[in-house]
Amino acid sequence: MNEAAIARGGRLILIGCARMAHDFATESDSRIVLPSMAPDFTAMVYAIPVQMIAYHTAVFMGKDADQPRNLAKSVTVE
């Protein structure tokens, strides 16, 4: 998968612990190194930088991050 992203001009951002950053240092353009923690918490903690990257990418592209297009209303009022 990395090769396909690189072939299309994509940049790879590694988000992981220090061991992972060391193992994959040559493949990634940027690294966000987070502390090692119990596997039960990694999904919650690792989601924060991913959401921040998505938000700042949308702002950079001139998109309205607070009101995305084609967002269907999923709440019904009784």
N, C-alpha and C. Protein backbone atom coordinates (compact mmCIF):
# COMPACT_ATOMS: atom_id res chain seq x y z
N MET A 1 0.83 -1.19 0.00
CA MET A 1 0.00 0.00 0.00
C MET A 1 0.87 1.25 0.00
N ASN A 2 1.98 1.24 0.71
CA ASN A 2 2.86 2.40 0.74
C ASN A 2 3.36 2.75 -0.64
N GLU A 3 3.70 1.73 -1.43
CA GLU A 3 4.22 1.96 -2.76
C GLU A 3 3.19 2.65 -3.65
N ALA A 4 1.93 2.27 -3.52
CA ALA A 4 0.88 2.87 -4.33
C ALA A 4 0.70 4.35 -3.97
N ALA A 5 0.76 4.68 -2.71
CA ALA A 5 0.61 6.07 -2.29
C ALA A 5 1.80 6.90 -2.75
N ILE A 6 2.99 6.36 -2.62
CA ILE A 6 4.19 7.08 -3.04
C ILE A 6 4.21 7.26 -4.55
N ALA A 7 3.80 6.24 -5.30
CA ALA A 7 3.78 6.32 -6.75
C ALA A 7 2.84 7.41 -7.25
N ARG A 8 1.81 7.71 -6.49
CA ARG A 8 0.86 8.75 -6.88
C ARG A 8 1.21 10.12 -6.28
N GLY A 9 2.39 10.23 -5.70
CA GLY A 9 2.84 11.51 -5.16
C GLY A 9 2.36 11.79 -3.75
N GLY A 10 1.86 10.79 -3.07
CA GLY A 10 1.37 10.97 -1.71
C GLY A 10 2.51 11.04 -0.71
N ARG A 11 2.24 11.68 0.41
CA ARG A 11 3.21 11.75 1.50
C ARG A 11 2.75 10.82 2.61
N LEU A 12 3.69 10.09 3.19
CA LEU A 12 3.38 9.17 4.27
C LEU A 12 3.69 9.81 5.61
N ILE A 13 2.74 9.74 6.51
CA ILE A 13 2.92 10.23 7.87
C ILE A 13 2.77 9.05 8.80
N LEU A 14 3.81 8.75 9.53
CA LEU A 14 3.81 7.63 10.46
C LEU A 14 3.36 8.12 11.83
N ILE A 15 2.35 7.48 12.38
CA ILE A 15 1.89 7.79 13.73
C ILE A 15 2.05 6.50 14.53
N GLY A 16 2.93 6.53 15.53
CA GLY A 16 3.18 5.33 16.30
C GLY A 16 4.16 5.58 17.43
N CYS A 17 4.54 4.49 18.08
CA CYS A 17 5.48 4.56 19.20
C CYS A 17 6.90 4.71 18.66
N ALA A 18 7.85 4.90 19.56
CA ALA A 18 9.24 5.13 19.17
C ALA A 18 9.82 3.92 18.44
N ARG A 19 9.46 2.71 18.84
CA ARG A 19 9.96 1.50 18.17
C ARG A 19 9.49 1.47 16.72
N MET A 20 8.22 1.78 16.50
CA MET A 20 7.68 1.78 15.15
C MET A 20 8.33 2.88 14.31
N ALA A 21 8.56 4.04 14.91
CA ALA A 21 9.20 5.14 14.19
C ALA A 21 10.61 4.75 13.76
N HIS A 22 11.29 3.99 14.58
CA HIS A 22 12.64 3.54 14.23
C HIS A 22 12.61 2.50 13.12
N ASP A 23 11.66 1.57 13.18
CA ASP A 23 11.58 0.49 12.20
C ASP A 23 11.19 0.98 10.80
N PHE A 24 10.33 2.01 10.73
CA PHE A 24 9.82 2.47 9.44
C PHE A 24 10.29 3.88 9.10
N ALA A 25 11.41 4.30 9.65
CA ALA A 25 11.88 5.68 9.47
C ALA A 25 12.17 6.00 8.01
N THR A 26 12.67 5.06 7.26
CA THR A 26 13.05 5.36 5.87
C THR A 26 11.84 5.46 4.95
N GLU A 27 10.71 4.86 5.30
CA GLU A 27 9.55 4.84 4.43
C GLU A 27 8.66 6.07 4.59
N SER A 28 8.71 6.74 5.72
CA SER A 28 7.77 7.82 5.98
C SER A 28 8.43 9.19 5.75
N ASP A 29 7.60 10.16 5.35
CA ASP A 29 8.06 11.53 5.16
C ASP A 29 8.09 12.27 6.49
N SER A 30 7.10 12.03 7.31
CA SER A 30 6.98 12.69 8.62
C SER A 30 6.63 11.65 9.66
N ARG A 31 6.95 11.97 10.90
CA ARG A 31 6.64 11.05 11.99
C ARG A 31 6.00 11.80 13.14
N ILE A 32 5.01 11.20 13.73
CA ILE A 32 4.42 11.67 14.98
C ILE A 32 4.64 10.54 15.97
N VAL A 33 5.55 10.75 16.91
CA VAL A 33 5.92 9.71 17.86
C VAL A 33 5.10 9.90 19.14
N LEU A 34 4.35 8.88 19.48
CA LEU A 34 3.53 8.89 20.69
C LEU A 34 4.14 7.93 21.71
N PRO A 35 3.87 8.14 22.98
CA PRO A 35 4.44 7.24 23.99
C PRO A 35 3.85 5.84 23.89
N SER A 36 4.62 4.87 24.34
CA SER A 36 4.12 3.49 24.40
C SER A 36 3.05 3.39 25.48
N MET A 37 2.02 2.62 25.20
CA MET A 37 0.93 2.48 26.16
C MET A 37 0.25 1.14 25.98
N ALA A 38 -0.66 0.84 26.86
CA ALA A 38 -1.40 -0.42 26.78
C ALA A 38 -2.24 -0.44 25.50
N PRO A 39 -2.33 -1.59 24.85
CA PRO A 39 -3.09 -1.68 23.60
C PRO A 39 -4.55 -1.26 23.72
N ASP A 40 -5.12 -1.34 24.93
CA ASP A 40 -6.51 -0.95 25.11
C ASP A 40 -6.74 0.53 24.85
N PHE A 41 -5.71 1.37 24.99
CA PHE A 41 -5.87 2.81 24.88
C PHE A 41 -5.34 3.38 23.58
N THR A 42 -4.59 2.61 22.81
CA THR A 42 -3.94 3.17 21.64
C THR A 42 -4.92 3.72 20.61
N ALA A 43 -6.02 3.05 20.38
CA ALA A 43 -6.98 3.53 19.37
C ALA A 43 -7.52 4.90 19.74
N MET A 44 -7.82 5.11 21.00
CA MET A 44 -8.35 6.41 21.44
C MET A 44 -7.29 7.50 21.33
N VAL A 45 -6.08 7.20 21.76
CA VAL A 45 -5.02 8.21 21.77
C VAL A 45 -4.53 8.50 20.36
N TYR A 46 -4.37 7.47 19.53
CA TYR A 46 -3.87 7.67 18.18
C TYR A 46 -4.89 8.38 17.29
N ALA A 47 -6.17 8.35 17.64
CA ALA A 47 -7.19 9.01 16.84
C ALA A 47 -7.06 10.53 16.89
N ILE A 48 -6.51 11.06 17.96
CA ILE A 48 -6.42 12.52 18.12
C ILE A 48 -5.54 13.15 17.04
N PRO A 49 -4.29 12.70 16.83
CA PRO A 49 -3.50 13.32 15.77
C PRO A 49 -4.09 13.10 14.37
N VAL A 50 -4.75 11.97 14.14
CA VAL A 50 -5.37 11.73 12.84
C VAL A 50 -6.49 12.74 12.60
N GLN A 51 -7.30 13.01 13.62
CA GLN A 51 -8.37 13.99 13.48
C GLN A 51 -7.81 15.40 13.26
N MET A 52 -6.71 15.73 13.93
CA MET A 52 -6.11 17.05 13.75
C MET A 52 -5.53 17.19 12.34
N ILE A 53 -4.93 16.14 11.81
CA ILE A 53 -4.42 16.18 10.44
C ILE A 53 -5.57 16.38 9.46
N ALA A 54 -6.67 15.66 9.66
CA ALA A 54 -7.82 15.78 8.77
C ALA A 54 -8.41 17.20 8.84
N TYR A 55 -8.50 17.76 10.03
CA TYR A 55 -9.05 19.11 10.19
C TYR A 55 -8.17 20.14 9.48
N HIS A 56 -6.88 20.09 9.74
CA HIS A 56 -5.98 21.09 9.15
C HIS A 56 -5.84 20.90 7.63
N THR A 57 -5.97 19.68 7.15
CA THR A 57 -5.97 19.45 5.70
C THR A 57 -7.20 20.09 5.07
N ALA A 58 -8.36 19.92 5.69
CA ALA A 58 -9.59 20.52 5.17
C ALA A 58 -9.49 22.04 5.17
N VAL A 59 -8.97 22.62 6.23
CA VAL A 59 -8.82 24.08 6.30
C VAL A 59 -7.85 24.56 5.24
N PHE A 60 -6.74 23.85 5.06
CA PHE A 60 -5.75 24.21 4.05
C PHE A 60 -6.34 24.17 2.65
N MET A 61 -7.22 23.21 2.41
CA MET A 61 -7.84 23.07 1.09
C MET A 61 -9.01 24.03 0.89
N GLY A 62 -9.33 24.83 1.90
CA GLY A 62 -10.41 25.80 1.79
C GLY A 62 -11.79 25.21 2.01
N LYS A 63 -11.86 24.05 2.60
CA LYS A 63 -13.15 23.40 2.88
C LYS A 63 -13.66 23.84 4.25
N ASP A 64 -14.97 23.82 4.41
CA ASP A 64 -15.56 24.16 5.70
C ASP A 64 -15.57 22.90 6.56
N ALA A 65 -14.68 22.84 7.52
CA ALA A 65 -14.55 21.64 8.35
C ALA A 65 -15.72 21.47 9.31
N ASP A 66 -16.43 22.55 9.61
CA ASP A 66 -17.54 22.47 10.56
C ASP A 66 -18.85 22.06 9.91
N GLN A 67 -18.98 22.26 8.61
CA GLN A 67 -20.20 21.89 7.90
C GLN A 67 -19.84 21.18 6.60
N PRO A 68 -19.48 19.88 6.69
CA PRO A 68 -19.09 19.16 5.47
C PRO A 68 -20.25 19.01 4.49
N ARG A 69 -19.92 18.95 3.19
CA ARG A 69 -20.94 18.76 2.16
C ARG A 69 -21.56 17.38 2.28
N ASN A 70 -22.80 17.29 1.86
CA ASN A 70 -23.52 16.02 1.76
C ASN A 70 -23.59 15.24 3.07
N LEU A 71 -23.60 15.95 4.17
CA LEU A 71 -23.74 15.28 5.46
C LEU A 71 -25.22 15.06 5.73
N ALA A 72 -25.63 13.82 5.75
CA ALA A 72 -27.04 13.50 5.95
C ALA A 72 -27.40 13.64 7.43
N LYS A 73 -28.58 14.14 7.67
CA LYS A 73 -29.04 14.27 9.05
C LYS A 73 -29.48 12.89 9.53
N SER A 74 -28.91 12.46 10.64
CA SER A 74 -29.20 11.10 11.12
C SER A 74 -30.02 11.09 12.40
N VAL A 75 -30.51 12.24 12.82
CA VAL A 75 -31.29 12.31 14.05
C VAL A 75 -32.76 12.51 13.69
N THR A 76 -33.59 11.66 14.23
CA THR A 76 -35.04 11.83 13.99
C THR A 76 -35.68 12.41 15.23
N VAL A 77 -36.60 13.30 15.02
CA VAL A 77 -37.30 13.94 16.13
C VAL A 77 -38.69 13.36 16.22
N GLU A 78 -39.05 12.92 17.41
CA GLU A 78 -40.39 12.33 17.59
C GLU A 78 -41.31 13.31 18.25
